[in-house]
Amino acid sequence: MFPTKTDKARDELQGGQRTLSQRERALLLMADGRRSLTDFSPLFANRTEAEQAILALVSRGYLQDAQAVAAAAAAAAIPTPMPVPAADPIRIATSADTFDGKRSLATTRMFLFDICERMFVRRDPKFALQMRDALREARDREAMLTIAALMLSEIEKTAGAERAESLRERIERLLPPAEVVH
């Protein structure tokens, strides 16, 4: 969800009469349609609490989902649906994972720990232990890529090239971009 302010929220932020708490007002200030739930989480004890606060503001009419607003506007702009010819194949989104967080080494490390637990602990406990230790020591992008490459080569042997490639793509989306030195 990418919340954005409603007219009611803009009125609340104009000043004068304040009906919301300071934390709720901070959420309204940050809600620009580009920030996700992950960006609001640091204001709260946990992600669930942030989600509840945002949903409460949505239900009270202060926030709305920017994606839903854009979809409604697009639907209103289309006068009549166009029939799809039978020759065109139906395309279904295959990614069930819609990661909306920021790229970071910490996020990548946690993802690799998770993969290690799921793929290696039962099958190869010694390798899993080595990978966990290496992940704990990894401090930069290159070290993380080296560990990921080792894990992916093992995954390719056991689960196939397609599974390894899908994990490789996810790792690339999680890692921060490489620093460019001029």
N, C-alpha and C. Protein backbone atom coordinates (compact mmCIF):
# COMPACT_ATOMS: atom_id res chain seq x y z
N MET A 1 0.84 -1.18 0.00
CA MET A 1 0.00 0.00 0.00
C MET A 1 0.88 1.24 0.00
N PHE A 2 0.53 2.20 -0.83
CA PHE A 2 1.23 3.47 -0.92
C PHE A 2 0.22 4.59 -0.62
N PRO A 3 0.04 4.91 0.67
CA PRO A 3 -1.01 5.87 1.03
C PRO A 3 -0.70 7.29 0.56
N THR A 4 -1.78 8.01 0.26
CA THR A 4 -1.69 9.41 -0.13
C THR A 4 -2.78 10.18 0.62
N LYS A 5 -2.56 11.47 0.79
CA LYS A 5 -3.48 12.31 1.54
C LYS A 5 -4.79 12.54 0.79
N THR A 6 -5.88 12.68 1.54
CA THR A 6 -7.16 13.10 0.99
C THR A 6 -7.32 14.59 1.29
N ASP A 7 -8.39 15.20 0.80
CA ASP A 7 -8.67 16.60 1.11
C ASP A 7 -8.86 16.79 2.60
N LYS A 8 -9.46 15.82 3.26
CA LYS A 8 -9.66 15.88 4.71
C LYS A 8 -8.32 15.96 5.43
N ALA A 9 -7.32 15.20 4.95
CA ALA A 9 -5.98 15.22 5.54
C ALA A 9 -5.32 16.58 5.32
N ARG A 10 -5.47 17.12 4.12
CA ARG A 10 -4.88 18.44 3.84
C ARG A 10 -5.48 19.50 4.75
N ASP A 11 -6.79 19.42 4.99
CA ASP A 11 -7.45 20.36 5.90
C ASP A 11 -6.89 20.22 7.32
N GLU A 12 -6.67 18.98 7.75
CA GLU A 12 -6.12 18.74 9.09
C GLU A 12 -4.73 19.34 9.24
N LEU A 13 -3.94 19.27 8.16
CA LEU A 13 -2.57 19.77 8.21
C LEU A 13 -2.47 21.28 8.04
N GLN A 14 -3.55 21.95 7.65
CA GLN A 14 -3.53 23.40 7.46
C GLN A 14 -3.31 24.15 8.76
N GLY A 15 -3.65 23.55 9.85
CA GLY A 15 -3.46 24.23 11.13
C GLY A 15 -4.80 24.59 11.73
N GLY A 16 -4.74 25.35 12.80
CA GLY A 16 -5.98 25.70 13.47
C GLY A 16 -6.41 24.58 14.37
N GLN A 17 -7.49 23.91 14.04
CA GLN A 17 -8.02 22.83 14.87
C GLN A 17 -7.31 21.52 14.56
N ARG A 18 -6.76 20.90 15.59
CA ARG A 18 -6.06 19.63 15.42
C ARG A 18 -6.87 18.53 16.08
N THR A 19 -7.22 17.53 15.30
CA THR A 19 -8.01 16.42 15.84
C THR A 19 -7.21 15.12 15.92
N LEU A 20 -6.02 15.11 15.34
CA LEU A 20 -5.21 13.90 15.31
C LEU A 20 -4.01 14.03 16.23
N SER A 21 -3.46 12.88 16.62
CA SER A 21 -2.25 12.88 17.45
C SER A 21 -1.04 13.31 16.61
N GLN A 22 0.06 13.58 17.28
CA GLN A 22 1.27 14.00 16.58
C GLN A 22 1.77 12.89 15.65
N ARG A 23 1.69 11.65 16.09
CA ARG A 23 2.13 10.53 15.26
C ARG A 23 1.25 10.39 14.01
N GLU A 24 -0.06 10.55 14.19
CA GLU A 24 -0.97 10.46 13.04
C GLU A 24 -0.71 11.60 12.06
N ARG A 25 -0.43 12.79 12.60
CA ARG A 25 -0.11 13.93 11.74
C ARG A 25 1.20 13.67 10.98
N ALA A 26 2.17 13.03 11.65
CA ALA A 26 3.43 12.69 10.99
C ALA A 26 3.17 11.73 9.83
N LEU A 27 2.27 10.76 10.04
CA LEU A 27 1.90 9.85 8.95
C LEU A 27 1.31 10.62 7.78
N LEU A 28 0.43 11.58 8.08
CA LEU A 28 -0.18 12.37 7.01
C LEU A 28 0.88 13.16 6.25
N LEU A 29 1.83 13.73 6.98
CA LEU A 29 2.89 14.50 6.33
C LEU A 29 3.72 13.64 5.39
N MET A 30 3.98 12.40 5.79
CA MET A 30 4.82 11.50 4.99
C MET A 30 4.06 10.86 3.82
N ALA A 31 2.74 10.78 3.93
CA ALA A 31 1.94 10.09 2.92
C ALA A 31 1.92 10.89 1.62
N ASP A 32 2.70 10.43 0.65
CA ASP A 32 2.80 11.15 -0.63
C ASP A 32 2.50 10.24 -1.82
N GLY A 33 2.08 9.01 -1.56
CA GLY A 33 1.78 8.08 -2.64
C GLY A 33 3.00 7.34 -3.17
N ARG A 34 4.19 7.70 -2.68
CA ARG A 34 5.41 7.02 -3.13
C ARG A 34 6.03 6.19 -2.02
N ARG A 35 5.67 6.44 -0.78
CA ARG A 35 6.21 5.69 0.35
C ARG A 35 5.31 4.50 0.67
N SER A 36 5.94 3.40 1.01
CA SER A 36 5.19 2.19 1.32
C SER A 36 5.10 2.02 2.83
N LEU A 37 4.41 0.98 3.25
CA LEU A 37 4.27 0.67 4.66
C LEU A 37 5.63 0.53 5.33
N THR A 38 6.60 0.01 4.64
CA THR A 38 7.95 -0.16 5.18
C THR A 38 8.55 1.18 5.59
N ASP A 39 8.27 2.24 4.84
CA ASP A 39 8.81 3.56 5.15
C ASP A 39 8.19 4.16 6.41
N PHE A 40 6.96 3.75 6.75
CA PHE A 40 6.28 4.28 7.92
C PHE A 40 6.62 3.48 9.19
N SER A 41 7.11 2.27 9.03
CA SER A 41 7.37 1.38 10.17
C SER A 41 8.30 1.96 11.24
N PRO A 42 9.35 2.75 10.88
CA PRO A 42 10.22 3.27 11.94
C PRO A 42 9.51 4.20 12.93
N LEU A 43 8.35 4.71 12.59
CA LEU A 43 7.61 5.57 13.51
C LEU A 43 6.92 4.77 14.62
N PHE A 44 6.88 3.45 14.47
CA PHE A 44 6.14 2.59 15.39
C PHE A 44 7.02 1.48 15.94
N ALA A 45 6.48 0.79 16.91
CA ALA A 45 7.23 -0.31 17.54
C ALA A 45 7.45 -1.46 16.57
N ASN A 46 6.49 -1.69 15.67
CA ASN A 46 6.62 -2.76 14.69
C ASN A 46 5.78 -2.46 13.46
N ARG A 47 5.95 -3.26 12.46
CA ARG A 47 5.25 -3.06 11.17
C ARG A 47 3.74 -3.19 11.32
N THR A 48 3.29 -4.10 12.17
CA THR A 48 1.86 -4.31 12.37
C THR A 48 1.20 -3.07 12.94
N GLU A 49 1.86 -2.46 13.91
CA GLU A 49 1.32 -1.24 14.51
C GLU A 49 1.22 -0.11 13.48
N ALA A 50 2.22 0.00 12.61
CA ALA A 50 2.19 1.00 11.54
C ALA A 50 1.04 0.73 10.59
N GLU A 51 0.86 -0.55 10.23
CA GLU A 51 -0.23 -0.91 9.32
C GLU A 51 -1.58 -0.57 9.93
N GLN A 52 -1.76 -0.85 11.22
CA GLN A 52 -3.03 -0.55 11.88
C GLN A 52 -3.31 0.94 11.90
N ALA A 53 -2.28 1.75 12.15
CA ALA A 53 -2.45 3.21 12.18
C ALA A 53 -2.84 3.73 10.80
N ILE A 54 -2.19 3.21 9.76
CA ILE A 54 -2.51 3.65 8.39
C ILE A 54 -3.93 3.24 8.02
N LEU A 55 -4.31 2.01 8.34
CA LEU A 55 -5.66 1.55 8.03
C LEU A 55 -6.72 2.35 8.79
N ALA A 56 -6.41 2.74 10.02
CA ALA A 56 -7.34 3.57 10.79
C ALA A 56 -7.53 4.93 10.12
N LEU A 57 -6.43 5.51 9.63
CA LEU A 57 -6.53 6.80 8.94
C LEU A 57 -7.26 6.66 7.60
N VAL A 58 -7.11 5.52 6.95
CA VAL A 58 -7.85 5.26 5.71
C VAL A 58 -9.34 5.17 6.02
N SER A 59 -9.69 4.41 7.06
CA SER A 59 -11.10 4.23 7.39
C SER A 59 -11.75 5.53 7.86
N ARG A 60 -10.96 6.44 8.44
CA ARG A 60 -11.50 7.73 8.90
C ARG A 60 -11.47 8.78 7.79
N GLY A 61 -10.97 8.41 6.60
CA GLY A 61 -11.03 9.30 5.46
C GLY A 61 -9.85 10.26 5.31
N TYR A 62 -8.75 10.04 6.03
CA TYR A 62 -7.59 10.92 5.93
C TYR A 62 -6.61 10.46 4.87
N LEU A 63 -6.55 9.14 4.65
CA LEU A 63 -5.62 8.58 3.67
C LEU A 63 -6.38 7.70 2.70
N GLN A 64 -5.77 7.50 1.53
CA GLN A 64 -6.29 6.57 0.53
C GLN A 64 -5.10 5.92 -0.15
N ASP A 65 -5.33 4.75 -0.72
CA ASP A 65 -4.26 4.02 -1.40
C ASP A 65 -4.04 4.64 -2.77
N ALA A 66 -2.83 5.13 -3.02
CA ALA A 66 -2.51 5.80 -4.28
C ALA A 66 -2.73 4.87 -5.47
N GLN A 67 -2.42 3.59 -5.31
CA GLN A 67 -2.59 2.64 -6.40
C GLN A 67 -4.07 2.44 -6.72
N ALA A 68 -4.92 2.40 -5.69
CA ALA A 68 -6.36 2.25 -5.90
C ALA A 68 -6.93 3.48 -6.58
N VAL A 69 -6.45 4.66 -6.19
CA VAL A 69 -6.91 5.91 -6.80
C VAL A 69 -6.51 5.94 -8.27
N ALA A 70 -5.27 5.54 -8.56
CA ALA A 70 -4.79 5.52 -9.95
C ALA A 70 -5.58 4.51 -10.78
N ALA A 71 -5.89 3.36 -10.20
CA ALA A 71 -6.66 2.33 -10.91
C ALA A 71 -8.08 2.82 -11.19
N ALA A 72 -8.67 3.49 -10.21
CA ALA A 72 -10.03 4.02 -10.40
C ALA A 72 -10.03 5.10 -11.47
N ALA A 73 -9.01 5.96 -11.47
CA ALA A 73 -8.92 7.01 -12.49
C ALA A 73 -8.73 6.39 -13.88
N ALA A 74 -7.91 5.36 -13.96
CA ALA A 74 -7.68 4.69 -15.24
C ALA A 74 -8.96 4.00 -15.71
N ALA A 75 -9.68 3.39 -14.79
CA ALA A 75 -10.92 2.71 -15.15
C ALA A 75 -11.97 3.72 -15.63
N ALA A 76 -11.99 4.89 -15.01
CA ALA A 76 -12.95 5.92 -15.41
C ALA A 76 -12.59 6.49 -16.79
N ALA A 77 -11.32 6.49 -17.14
CA ALA A 77 -10.87 7.03 -18.41
C ALA A 77 -11.17 6.10 -19.58
N ILE A 78 -11.35 4.82 -19.31
CA ILE A 78 -11.63 3.85 -20.37
C ILE A 78 -13.14 3.76 -20.54
N PRO A 79 -13.65 4.18 -21.70
CA PRO A 79 -15.10 4.22 -21.88
C PRO A 79 -15.74 2.82 -21.94
N THR A 80 -15.20 1.93 -22.72
CA THR A 80 -15.75 0.58 -22.81
C THR A 80 -14.60 -0.40 -22.90
N PRO A 81 -14.75 -1.56 -22.27
CA PRO A 81 -13.68 -2.56 -22.35
C PRO A 81 -13.57 -3.13 -23.76
N MET A 82 -12.34 -3.33 -24.18
CA MET A 82 -12.08 -3.89 -25.50
C MET A 82 -12.01 -5.41 -25.37
N PRO A 83 -12.72 -6.15 -26.21
CA PRO A 83 -12.63 -7.61 -26.14
C PRO A 83 -11.25 -8.07 -26.59
N VAL A 84 -10.77 -9.10 -25.95
CA VAL A 84 -9.46 -9.65 -26.27
C VAL A 84 -9.64 -10.73 -27.34
N PRO A 85 -8.92 -10.62 -28.45
CA PRO A 85 -9.03 -11.66 -29.48
C PRO A 85 -8.58 -13.01 -28.93
N ALA A 86 -9.19 -14.07 -29.42
CA ALA A 86 -8.89 -15.42 -28.93
C ALA A 86 -7.46 -15.83 -29.20
N ALA A 87 -6.81 -15.23 -30.21
CA ALA A 87 -5.45 -15.61 -30.56
C ALA A 87 -4.42 -15.10 -29.54
N ASP A 88 -4.75 -14.03 -28.80
CA ASP A 88 -3.80 -13.50 -27.83
C ASP A 88 -3.80 -14.35 -26.56
N PRO A 89 -2.62 -14.77 -26.11
CA PRO A 89 -2.58 -15.56 -24.88
C PRO A 89 -2.86 -14.67 -23.67
N ILE A 90 -3.45 -15.24 -22.65
CA ILE A 90 -3.70 -14.51 -21.41
C ILE A 90 -2.43 -14.53 -20.60
N ARG A 91 -1.99 -13.36 -20.18
CA ARG A 91 -0.76 -13.25 -19.40
C ARG A 91 -1.12 -13.13 -17.93
N ILE A 92 -0.54 -14.00 -17.14
CA ILE A 92 -0.78 -14.00 -15.70
C ILE A 92 0.52 -13.64 -15.00
N ALA A 93 0.43 -12.70 -14.07
CA ALA A 93 1.62 -12.34 -13.30
C ALA A 93 2.03 -13.55 -12.48
N THR A 94 3.30 -13.92 -12.60
CA THR A 94 3.77 -15.13 -11.93
C THR A 94 4.47 -14.86 -10.61
N SER A 95 4.77 -13.62 -10.34
CA SER A 95 5.49 -13.33 -9.11
C SER A 95 4.52 -13.13 -7.96
N ALA A 96 4.60 -14.01 -6.98
CA ALA A 96 3.75 -13.87 -5.80
C ALA A 96 4.41 -12.97 -4.78
N ASP A 97 5.65 -12.61 -5.02
CA ASP A 97 6.42 -11.83 -4.08
C ASP A 97 6.47 -10.38 -4.53
N THR A 98 5.83 -9.49 -3.80
CA THR A 98 5.85 -8.08 -4.14
C THR A 98 6.59 -7.32 -3.06
N PHE A 99 7.88 -7.40 -3.09
CA PHE A 99 8.72 -6.74 -2.10
C PHE A 99 8.63 -5.24 -2.28
N ASP A 100 8.31 -4.52 -1.19
CA ASP A 100 8.17 -3.08 -1.30
C ASP A 100 9.14 -2.34 -0.38
N GLY A 101 10.16 -3.04 0.07
CA GLY A 101 11.11 -2.43 0.98
C GLY A 101 12.29 -1.79 0.27
N LYS A 102 13.19 -1.26 1.05
CA LYS A 102 14.38 -0.62 0.50
C LYS A 102 15.47 -1.66 0.30
N ARG A 103 16.34 -1.39 -0.68
CA ARG A 103 17.49 -2.26 -0.92
C ARG A 103 18.49 -2.06 0.21
N SER A 104 18.99 -3.15 0.76
CA SER A 104 20.01 -3.02 1.80
C SER A 104 20.73 -4.35 1.98
N LEU A 105 21.92 -4.26 2.55
CA LEU A 105 22.67 -5.48 2.86
C LEU A 105 21.96 -6.28 3.94
N ALA A 106 21.34 -5.59 4.89
CA ALA A 106 20.65 -6.28 5.97
C ALA A 106 19.47 -7.09 5.43
N THR A 107 18.71 -6.52 4.53
CA THR A 107 17.58 -7.24 3.94
C THR A 107 18.08 -8.44 3.13
N THR A 108 19.15 -8.22 2.38
CA THR A 108 19.73 -9.31 1.60
C THR A 108 20.23 -10.42 2.51
N ARG A 109 20.91 -10.05 3.59
CA ARG A 109 21.43 -11.04 4.54
C ARG A 109 20.29 -11.88 5.12
N MET A 110 19.20 -11.23 5.53
CA MET A 110 18.08 -11.96 6.11
C MET A 110 17.44 -12.91 5.07
N PHE A 111 17.34 -12.44 3.83
CA PHE A 111 16.82 -13.30 2.76
C PHE A 111 17.71 -14.53 2.58
N LEU A 112 19.03 -14.32 2.57
CA LEU A 112 19.96 -15.44 2.40
C LEU A 112 19.93 -16.39 3.60
N PHE A 113 19.78 -15.85 4.82
CA PHE A 113 19.61 -16.71 5.99
C PHE A 113 18.37 -17.58 5.82
N ASP A 114 17.29 -16.98 5.35
CA ASP A 114 16.04 -17.71 5.14
C ASP A 114 16.23 -18.82 4.10
N ILE A 115 16.87 -18.50 3.00
CA ILE A 115 17.13 -19.51 1.97
C ILE A 115 18.00 -20.63 2.53
N CYS A 116 18.99 -20.26 3.31
CA CYS A 116 19.88 -21.26 3.92
C CYS A 116 19.07 -22.22 4.79
N GLU A 117 18.18 -21.68 5.61
CA GLU A 117 17.36 -22.52 6.48
C GLU A 117 16.44 -23.43 5.67
N ARG A 118 15.82 -22.88 4.65
CA ARG A 118 14.85 -23.64 3.87
C ARG A 118 15.50 -24.70 2.98
N MET A 119 16.66 -24.38 2.43
CA MET A 119 17.24 -25.25 1.40
C MET A 119 18.31 -26.21 1.92
N PHE A 120 19.01 -25.84 3.00
CA PHE A 120 20.20 -26.62 3.34
C PHE A 120 20.20 -27.27 4.72
N VAL A 121 19.47 -26.76 5.69
CA VAL A 121 19.59 -27.27 7.06
C VAL A 121 19.33 -28.76 7.14
N ARG A 122 18.28 -29.23 6.52
CA ARG A 122 17.98 -30.67 6.57
C ARG A 122 18.85 -31.48 5.62
N ARG A 123 19.08 -30.92 4.44
CA ARG A 123 19.78 -31.64 3.37
C ARG A 123 21.29 -31.71 3.60
N ASP A 124 21.87 -30.59 4.05
CA ASP A 124 23.32 -30.52 4.23
C ASP A 124 23.64 -29.60 5.41
N PRO A 125 23.49 -30.09 6.64
CA PRO A 125 23.66 -29.24 7.83
C PRO A 125 25.05 -28.59 7.92
N LYS A 126 26.08 -29.28 7.48
CA LYS A 126 27.44 -28.72 7.54
C LYS A 126 27.55 -27.51 6.62
N PHE A 127 27.03 -27.63 5.40
CA PHE A 127 27.06 -26.51 4.45
C PHE A 127 26.21 -25.35 5.00
N ALA A 128 25.06 -25.67 5.58
CA ALA A 128 24.19 -24.63 6.16
C ALA A 128 24.92 -23.86 7.25
N LEU A 129 25.65 -24.57 8.10
CA LEU A 129 26.41 -23.93 9.17
C LEU A 129 27.50 -23.02 8.60
N GLN A 130 28.20 -23.49 7.57
CA GLN A 130 29.23 -22.67 6.93
C GLN A 130 28.63 -21.40 6.33
N MET A 131 27.49 -21.53 5.67
CA MET A 131 26.85 -20.37 5.04
C MET A 131 26.35 -19.37 6.09
N ARG A 132 25.78 -19.88 7.18
CA ARG A 132 25.32 -18.98 8.26
C ARG A 132 26.48 -18.21 8.86
N ASP A 133 27.59 -18.91 9.11
CA ASP A 133 28.77 -18.24 9.66
C ASP A 133 29.30 -17.18 8.69
N ALA A 134 29.34 -17.53 7.41
CA ALA A 134 29.83 -16.58 6.40
C ALA A 134 28.90 -15.37 6.31
N LEU A 135 27.59 -15.59 6.39
CA LEU A 135 26.64 -14.47 6.34
C LEU A 135 26.81 -13.54 7.54
N ARG A 136 27.09 -14.12 8.69
CA ARG A 136 27.31 -13.27 9.89
C ARG A 136 28.54 -12.38 9.74
N GLU A 137 29.52 -12.86 8.99
CA GLU A 137 30.76 -12.10 8.81
C GLU A 137 30.75 -11.17 7.60
N ALA A 138 29.81 -11.35 6.69
CA ALA A 138 29.77 -10.54 5.47
C ALA A 138 29.46 -9.08 5.82
N ARG A 139 30.30 -8.16 5.34
CA ARG A 139 30.14 -6.75 5.67
C ARG A 139 29.94 -5.85 4.45
N ASP A 140 30.11 -6.40 3.25
CA ASP A 140 29.97 -5.55 2.07
C ASP A 140 29.26 -6.32 0.95
N ARG A 141 28.98 -5.61 -0.11
CA ARG A 141 28.22 -6.15 -1.24
C ARG A 141 28.94 -7.34 -1.88
N GLU A 142 30.25 -7.23 -2.04
CA GLU A 142 31.02 -8.29 -2.69
C GLU A 142 31.00 -9.58 -1.88
N ALA A 143 31.13 -9.46 -0.57
CA ALA A 143 31.09 -10.65 0.29
C ALA A 143 29.71 -11.31 0.22
N MET A 144 28.67 -10.46 0.21
CA MET A 144 27.31 -10.99 0.12
C MET A 144 27.10 -11.70 -1.22
N LEU A 145 27.63 -11.14 -2.31
CA LEU A 145 27.51 -11.76 -3.63
C LEU A 145 28.25 -13.09 -3.70
N THR A 146 29.41 -13.16 -3.05
CA THR A 146 30.19 -14.40 -3.04
C THR A 146 29.41 -15.51 -2.33
N ILE A 147 28.83 -15.18 -1.18
CA ILE A 147 28.05 -16.16 -0.42
C ILE A 147 26.82 -16.58 -1.23
N ALA A 148 26.16 -15.59 -1.82
CA ALA A 148 24.97 -15.89 -2.63
C ALA A 148 25.33 -16.81 -3.79
N ALA A 149 26.48 -16.57 -4.42
CA ALA A 149 26.90 -17.40 -5.55
C ALA A 149 27.12 -18.85 -5.11
N LEU A 150 27.75 -19.04 -3.94
CA LEU A 150 27.96 -20.39 -3.41
C LEU A 150 26.62 -21.08 -3.16
N MET A 151 25.70 -20.36 -2.52
CA MET A 151 24.40 -20.94 -2.22
C MET A 151 23.63 -21.26 -3.51
N LEU A 152 23.69 -20.34 -4.48
CA LEU A 152 22.96 -20.55 -5.73
C LEU A 152 23.51 -21.72 -6.54
N SER A 153 24.82 -21.94 -6.47
CA SER A 153 25.38 -23.09 -7.19
C SER A 153 24.88 -24.40 -6.58
N GLU A 154 24.76 -24.44 -5.25
CA GLU A 154 24.21 -25.64 -4.60
C GLU A 154 22.72 -25.80 -4.90
N ILE A 155 22.00 -24.68 -4.92
CA ILE A 155 20.57 -24.74 -5.23
C ILE A 155 20.35 -25.22 -6.65
N GLU A 156 21.21 -24.78 -7.56
CA GLU A 156 21.10 -25.21 -8.96
C GLU A 156 21.29 -26.72 -9.07
N LYS A 157 22.21 -27.27 -8.28
CA LYS A 157 22.45 -28.72 -8.32
C LYS A 157 21.25 -29.50 -7.78
N THR A 158 20.63 -28.97 -6.72
CA THR A 158 19.56 -29.73 -6.07
C THR A 158 18.16 -29.39 -6.56
N ALA A 159 17.89 -28.11 -6.86
CA ALA A 159 16.52 -27.69 -7.21
C ALA A 159 16.38 -27.28 -8.67
N GLY A 160 17.50 -27.17 -9.37
CA GLY A 160 17.42 -26.84 -10.79
C GLY A 160 17.79 -25.40 -11.10
N ALA A 161 18.12 -25.17 -12.37
CA ALA A 161 18.58 -23.86 -12.83
C ALA A 161 17.48 -22.80 -12.74
N GLU A 162 16.24 -23.19 -12.99
CA GLU A 162 15.15 -22.21 -12.96
C GLU A 162 14.95 -21.65 -11.55
N ARG A 163 14.99 -22.51 -10.55
CA ARG A 163 14.85 -22.07 -9.14
C ARG A 163 16.02 -21.18 -8.76
N ALA A 164 17.22 -21.57 -9.13
CA ALA A 164 18.41 -20.77 -8.81
C ALA A 164 18.32 -19.40 -9.47
N GLU A 165 17.87 -19.35 -10.71
CA GLU A 165 17.76 -18.07 -11.43
C GLU A 165 16.72 -17.16 -10.78
N SER A 166 15.60 -17.71 -10.35
CA SER A 166 14.58 -16.88 -9.70
C SER A 166 15.10 -16.29 -8.39
N LEU A 167 15.87 -17.07 -7.65
CA LEU A 167 16.47 -16.56 -6.41
C LEU A 167 17.55 -15.53 -6.71
N ARG A 168 18.32 -15.74 -7.79
CA ARG A 168 19.36 -14.79 -8.19
C ARG A 168 18.72 -13.43 -8.52
N GLU A 169 17.59 -13.45 -9.23
CA GLU A 169 16.89 -12.21 -9.57
C GLU A 169 16.41 -11.49 -8.32
N ARG A 170 15.91 -12.25 -7.36
CA ARG A 170 15.43 -11.64 -6.11
C ARG A 170 16.59 -11.02 -5.34
N ILE A 171 17.70 -11.69 -5.29
CA ILE A 171 18.88 -11.17 -4.59
C ILE A 171 19.33 -9.86 -5.24
N GLU A 172 19.30 -9.80 -6.56
CA GLU A 172 19.68 -8.57 -7.27
C GLU A 172 18.74 -7.42 -6.92
N ARG A 173 17.46 -7.73 -6.68
CA ARG A 173 16.50 -6.68 -6.31
C ARG A 173 16.69 -6.23 -4.87
N LEU A 174 17.26 -7.09 -4.03
CA LEU A 174 17.43 -6.75 -2.62
C LEU A 174 18.73 -6.01 -2.33
N LEU A 175 19.79 -6.35 -3.06
CA LEU A 175 21.09 -5.73 -2.82
C LEU A 175 21.10 -4.27 -3.23
N PRO A 176 21.76 -3.42 -2.46
CA PRO A 176 21.90 -2.04 -2.90
C PRO A 176 22.75 -1.99 -4.18
N PRO A 177 22.54 -0.98 -5.02
CA PRO A 177 23.32 -0.90 -6.26
C PRO A 177 24.81 -0.79 -5.96
N ALA A 178 25.59 -1.28 -6.90
CA ALA A 178 27.06 -1.21 -6.75
C ALA A 178 27.50 0.26 -6.83
N GLU A 179 28.47 0.59 -6.00
CA GLU A 179 29.02 1.94 -6.01
C GLU A 179 29.83 2.14 -7.29
N VAL A 180 29.61 3.24 -7.97
CA VAL A 180 30.36 3.55 -9.18
C VAL A 180 31.48 4.52 -8.80
N VAL A 181 32.72 4.10 -9.06
CA VAL A 181 33.88 4.94 -8.74
C VAL A 181 34.33 5.64 -10.03
N HIS A 182 34.46 6.95 -9.96
CA HIS A 182 34.84 7.73 -11.13
C HIS A 182 36.32 7.94 -11.18
